[in-house]
């Protein structure tokens, strides 16, 4: 329908803005890590646009409840993961082993933080059941 087309045009255009914005940042002498900041900001803008369209299409949804129940918890997980990974990065150094350690650490911290801080009991139980089913002889693990 027209609403879906407009939604995709707007959200995808925001996300595609990463390319020209990145080129402008480089042309102005910006460092490579500034690109990551612009990508995060544009992703946040795209997410806000998604929420705006969702509220427009489905008015009963509460953006405040969504922010409290999901976004706040997600930000807490990101902060915890950032702080722990930052420390591990500084302790492990810039060797290949150090980078591998950071990847493993950040993945583990995000997984466990999400499992215990973001998911509710029902979702957590479903994930644990799924993991246990993967350990079954059927999969050979």
C-alpha atoms as a PDB file:
ATOM      1  CA  UNK A   1       0.000   0.000   0.000  1.00  0.00           C
ATOM      2  CA  UNK A   2       1.003   3.643  -0.159  1.00  0.00           C
ATOM      3  CA  UNK A   3       1.679   3.871   3.568  1.00  0.00           C
ATOM      4  CA  UNK A   4       4.179   1.010   3.466  1.00  0.00           C
ATOM      5  CA  UNK A   5       5.891   2.524   0.428  1.00  0.00           C
ATOM      6  CA  UNK A   6       6.200   5.913   2.118  1.00  0.00           C
ATOM      7  CA  UNK A   7       7.486   4.274   5.298  1.00  0.00           C
ATOM      8  CA  UNK A   8      10.201   2.378   3.431  1.00  0.00           C
ATOM      9  CA  UNK A   9      11.157   5.353   1.301  1.00  0.00           C
ATOM     10  CA  UNK A  10      11.669   7.573   4.316  1.00  0.00           C
ATOM     11  CA  UNK A  11      13.382   5.067   6.642  1.00  0.00           C
ATOM     12  CA  UNK A  12      15.613   3.601   3.921  1.00  0.00           C
ATOM     13  CA  UNK A  13      16.552   7.090   2.728  1.00  0.00           C
ATOM     14  CA  UNK A  14      17.667   7.991   6.240  1.00  0.00           C
ATOM     15  CA  UNK A  15      19.770   4.839   6.473  1.00  0.00           C
ATOM     16  CA  UNK A  16      21.265   5.395   2.999  1.00  0.00           C
ATOM     17  CA  UNK A  17      22.314   8.882   4.098  1.00  0.00           C
ATOM     18  CA  UNK A  18      25.258   7.163   5.826  1.00  0.00           C
ATOM     19  CA  UNK A  19      27.132   7.100   2.520  1.00  0.00           C
ATOM     20  CA  UNK A  20      26.983  10.807   1.572  1.00  0.00           C
ATOM     21  CA  UNK A  21      27.350  11.915   5.196  1.00  0.00           C
ATOM     22  CA  UNK A  22      30.445   9.710   5.523  1.00  0.00           C
ATOM     23  CA  UNK A  23      31.914  11.248   2.371  1.00  0.00           C
ATOM     24  CA  UNK A  24      31.285  14.758   3.705  1.00  0.00           C
ATOM     25  CA  UNK A  25      32.865  13.861   7.061  1.00  0.00           C
ATOM     26  CA  UNK A  26      35.970  12.520   5.283  1.00  0.00           C
ATOM     27  CA  UNK A  27      36.084  15.541   2.958  1.00  0.00           C
ATOM     28  CA  UNK A  28      36.050  17.846   5.987  1.00  0.00           C
ATOM     29  CA  UNK A  29      39.011  15.961   7.452  1.00  0.00           C
ATOM     30  CA  UNK A  30      37.089  13.859   9.951  1.00  0.00           C
ATOM     31  CA  UNK A  31      38.617  10.724  11.402  1.00  0.00           C
ATOM     32  CA  UNK A  32      37.334   7.294  10.515  1.00  0.00           C
ATOM     33  CA  UNK A  33      35.653   6.713  13.889  1.00  0.00           C
ATOM     34  CA  UNK A  34      33.450   9.770  13.262  1.00  0.00           C
ATOM     35  CA  UNK A  35      31.737   7.670  10.607  1.00  0.00           C
ATOM     36  CA  UNK A  36      30.583   5.275  13.317  1.00  0.00           C
ATOM     37  CA  UNK A  37      29.074   8.189  15.253  1.00  0.00           C
ATOM     38  CA  UNK A  38      27.210   9.413  12.177  1.00  0.00           C
ATOM     39  CA  UNK A  39      25.938   5.894  11.480  1.00  0.00           C
ATOM     40  CA  UNK A  40      24.667   5.566  15.049  1.00  0.00           C
ATOM     41  CA  UNK A  41      22.965   8.973  14.908  1.00  0.00           C
ATOM     42  CA  UNK A  42      21.315   8.190  11.573  1.00  0.00           C
ATOM     43  CA  UNK A  43      20.186   4.796  12.915  1.00  0.00           C
ATOM     44  CA  UNK A  44      18.632   6.532  15.930  1.00  0.00           C
ATOM     45  CA  UNK A  45      16.874   8.961  13.587  1.00  0.00           C
ATOM     46  CA  UNK A  46      15.599   6.040  11.471  1.00  0.00           C
ATOM     47  CA  UNK A  47      14.377   4.277  14.607  1.00  0.00           C
ATOM     48  CA  UNK A  48      12.544   7.418  15.698  1.00  0.00           C
ATOM     49  CA  UNK A  49      10.937   7.585  12.269  1.00  0.00           C
ATOM     50  CA  UNK A  50       9.848   3.960  12.588  1.00  0.00           C
ATOM     51  CA  UNK A  51       8.264   4.731  15.956  1.00  0.00           C
ATOM     52  CA  UNK A  52       6.503   7.775  14.502  1.00  0.00           C
ATOM     53  CA  UNK A  53       4.992   5.675  11.703  1.00  0.00           C
ATOM     54  CA  UNK A  54       4.058   2.899  14.137  1.00  0.00           C
ATOM     55  CA  UNK A  55       2.243   5.385  16.372  1.00  0.00           C
ATOM     56  CA  UNK A  56       0.500   6.871  13.337  1.00  0.00           C
ATOM     57  CA  UNK A  57      -0.675   3.455  12.103  1.00  0.00           C
ATOM     58  CA  UNK A  58      -1.375   1.903  15.518  1.00  0.00           C
ATOM     59  CA  UNK A  59      -2.354   4.719  17.945  1.00  0.00           C
ATOM     60  CA  UNK A  60      -2.853   2.535  21.072  1.00  0.00           C
ATOM     61  CA  UNK A  61       0.898   1.855  21.299  1.00  0.00           C
ATOM     62  CA  UNK A  62       2.627   3.750  24.081  1.00  0.00           C
ATOM     63  CA  UNK A  63       6.003   5.166  23.058  1.00  0.00           C
ATOM     64  CA  UNK A  64       6.736   6.043  26.706  1.00  0.00           C
ATOM     65  CA  UNK A  65       6.102   2.441  27.777  1.00  0.00           C
ATOM     66  CA  UNK A  66       8.281   1.202  24.897  1.00  0.00           C
ATOM     67  CA  UNK A  67      11.066   3.563  25.965  1.00  0.00           C
ATOM     68  CA  UNK A  68      10.818   2.389  29.579  1.00  0.00           C
ATOM     69  CA  UNK A  69      10.448  -1.323  28.887  1.00  0.00           C
ATOM     70  CA  UNK A  70      12.926  -1.703  26.046  1.00  0.00           C
ATOM     71  CA  UNK A  71      15.072   1.308  25.210  1.00  0.00           C
ATOM     72  CA  UNK A  72      16.156   2.045  28.770  1.00  0.00           C
ATOM     73  CA  UNK A  73      17.169  -1.568  29.308  1.00  0.00           C
ATOM     74  CA  UNK A  74      18.985  -1.654  25.964  1.00  0.00           C
ATOM     75  CA  UNK A  75      20.949   1.487  26.857  1.00  0.00           C
ATOM     76  CA  UNK A  76      21.919  -0.081  30.196  1.00  0.00           C
ATOM     77  CA  UNK A  77      23.164  -3.209  28.408  1.00  0.00           C
ATOM     78  CA  UNK A  78      25.167  -1.096  25.956  1.00  0.00           C
ATOM     79  CA  UNK A  79      26.734   0.929  28.791  1.00  0.00           C
ATOM     80  CA  UNK A  80      27.684  -2.199  30.742  1.00  0.00           C
ATOM     81  CA  UNK A  81      29.134  -3.831  27.628  1.00  0.00           C
ATOM     82  CA  UNK A  82      31.038  -0.679  26.692  1.00  0.00           C
ATOM     83  CA  UNK A  83      32.603  -0.242  30.135  1.00  0.00           C
ATOM     84  CA  UNK A  84      33.663  -3.882  30.479  1.00  0.00           C
ATOM     85  CA  UNK A  85      34.887  -4.148  26.884  1.00  0.00           C
ATOM     86  CA  UNK A  86      36.816  -0.875  27.224  1.00  0.00           C
ATOM     87  CA  UNK A  87      38.668  -2.235  30.249  1.00  0.00           C
ATOM     88  CA  UNK A  88      39.374  -5.557  28.548  1.00  0.00           C
ATOM     89  CA  UNK A  89      40.623  -3.704  25.476  1.00  0.00           C
ATOM     90  CA  UNK A  90      43.098  -1.709  27.555  1.00  0.00           C
ATOM     91  CA  UNK A  91      44.274  -4.779  29.475  1.00  0.00           C
ATOM     92  CA  UNK A  92      44.558  -7.066  26.427  1.00  0.00           C
ATOM     93  CA  UNK A  93      46.414  -4.656  24.147  1.00  0.00           C
ATOM     94  CA  UNK A  94      46.304  -4.308  20.377  1.00  0.00           C
ATOM     95  CA  UNK A  95      47.610  -7.746  19.446  1.00  0.00           C
ATOM     96  CA  UNK A  96      45.529 -10.215  17.467  1.00  0.00           C
ATOM     97  CA  UNK A  97      44.872 -12.150  20.665  1.00  0.00           C
ATOM     98  CA  UNK A  98      43.802  -8.921  22.371  1.00  0.00           C
ATOM     99  CA  UNK A  99      41.301  -8.158  19.610  1.00  0.00           C
ATOM    100  CA  UNK A 100      39.978 -11.714  19.757  1.00  0.00           C
ATOM    101  CA  UNK A 101      39.590 -11.353  23.534  1.00  0.00           C
ATOM    102  CA  UNK A 102      37.629  -8.116  23.093  1.00  0.00           C
ATOM    103  CA  UNK A 103      35.279  -9.727  20.547  1.00  0.00           C
ATOM    104  CA  UNK A 104      34.624 -12.732  22.775  1.00  0.00           C
ATOM    105  CA  UNK A 105      34.213 -10.543  25.866  1.00  0.00           C
ATOM    106  CA  UNK A 106      31.822  -8.068  24.248  1.00  0.00           C
ATOM    107  CA  UNK A 107      29.695 -10.829  22.725  1.00  0.00           C
ATOM    108  CA  UNK A 108      29.488 -12.674  26.042  1.00  0.00           C
ATOM    109  CA  UNK A 109      28.702  -9.557  28.083  1.00  0.00           C
ATOM    110  CA  UNK A 110      25.979  -8.445  25.663  1.00  0.00           C
ATOM    111  CA  UNK A 111      24.441 -11.937  25.533  1.00  0.00           C
ATOM    112  CA  UNK A 112      24.289 -12.365  29.317  1.00  0.00           C
ATOM    113  CA  UNK A 113      23.247  -8.758  29.966  1.00  0.00           C
ATOM    114  CA  UNK A 114      20.438  -9.097  27.454  1.00  0.00           C
ATOM    115  CA  UNK A 115      19.393 -12.438  28.877  1.00  0.00           C
ATOM    116  CA  UNK A 116      19.151 -11.136  32.439  1.00  0.00           C
ATOM    117  CA  UNK A 117      18.351  -7.415  32.031  1.00  0.00           C
ATOM    118  CA  UNK A 118      16.245  -7.094  28.880  1.00  0.00           C
ATOM    119  CA  UNK A 119      14.264 -10.309  28.510  1.00  0.00           C
ATOM    120  CA  UNK A 120      11.399 -11.193  30.805  1.00  0.00           C
ATOM    121  CA  UNK A 121      11.074 -14.620  32.459  1.00  0.00           C
ATOM    122  CA  UNK A 122       8.985 -16.111  29.644  1.00  0.00           C
ATOM    123  CA  UNK A 123      11.395 -14.948  26.940  1.00  0.00           C
ATOM    124  CA  UNK A 124      14.400 -16.100  28.976  1.00  0.00           C
ATOM    125  CA  UNK A 125      12.832 -19.540  29.466  1.00  0.00           C
ATOM    126  CA  UNK A 126      12.173 -19.830  25.724  1.00  0.00           C
ATOM    127  CA  UNK A 127      15.799 -18.923  24.875  1.00  0.00           C
ATOM    128  CA  UNK A 128      17.187 -21.410  27.412  1.00  0.00           C
ATOM    129  CA  UNK A 129      14.892 -24.131  26.060  1.00  0.00           C
ATOM    130  CA  UNK A 130      16.083 -23.347  22.520  1.00  0.00           C
ATOM    131  CA  UNK A 131      19.746 -23.572  23.589  1.00  0.00           C
ATOM    132  CA  UNK A 132      19.106 -26.891  25.330  1.00  0.00           C
ATOM    133  CA  UNK A 133      17.394 -28.259  22.219  1.00  0.00           C
ATOM    134  CA  UNK A 134      20.511 -27.432  20.195  1.00  0.00           C
ATOM    135  CA  UNK A 135      22.549 -29.617  22.571  1.00  0.00           C
ATOM    136  CA  UNK A 136      20.370 -32.626  21.768  1.00  0.00           C
ATOM    137  CA  UNK A 137      21.877 -35.634  19.934  1.00  0.00           C
ATOM    138  CA  UNK A 138      19.799 -34.695  16.884  1.00  0.00           C
ATOM    139  CA  UNK A 139      22.233 -31.832  16.134  1.00  0.00           C
ATOM    140  CA  UNK A 140      25.374 -33.746  17.152  1.00  0.00           C
ATOM    141  CA  UNK A 141      26.637 -31.008  19.451  1.00  0.00           C
END
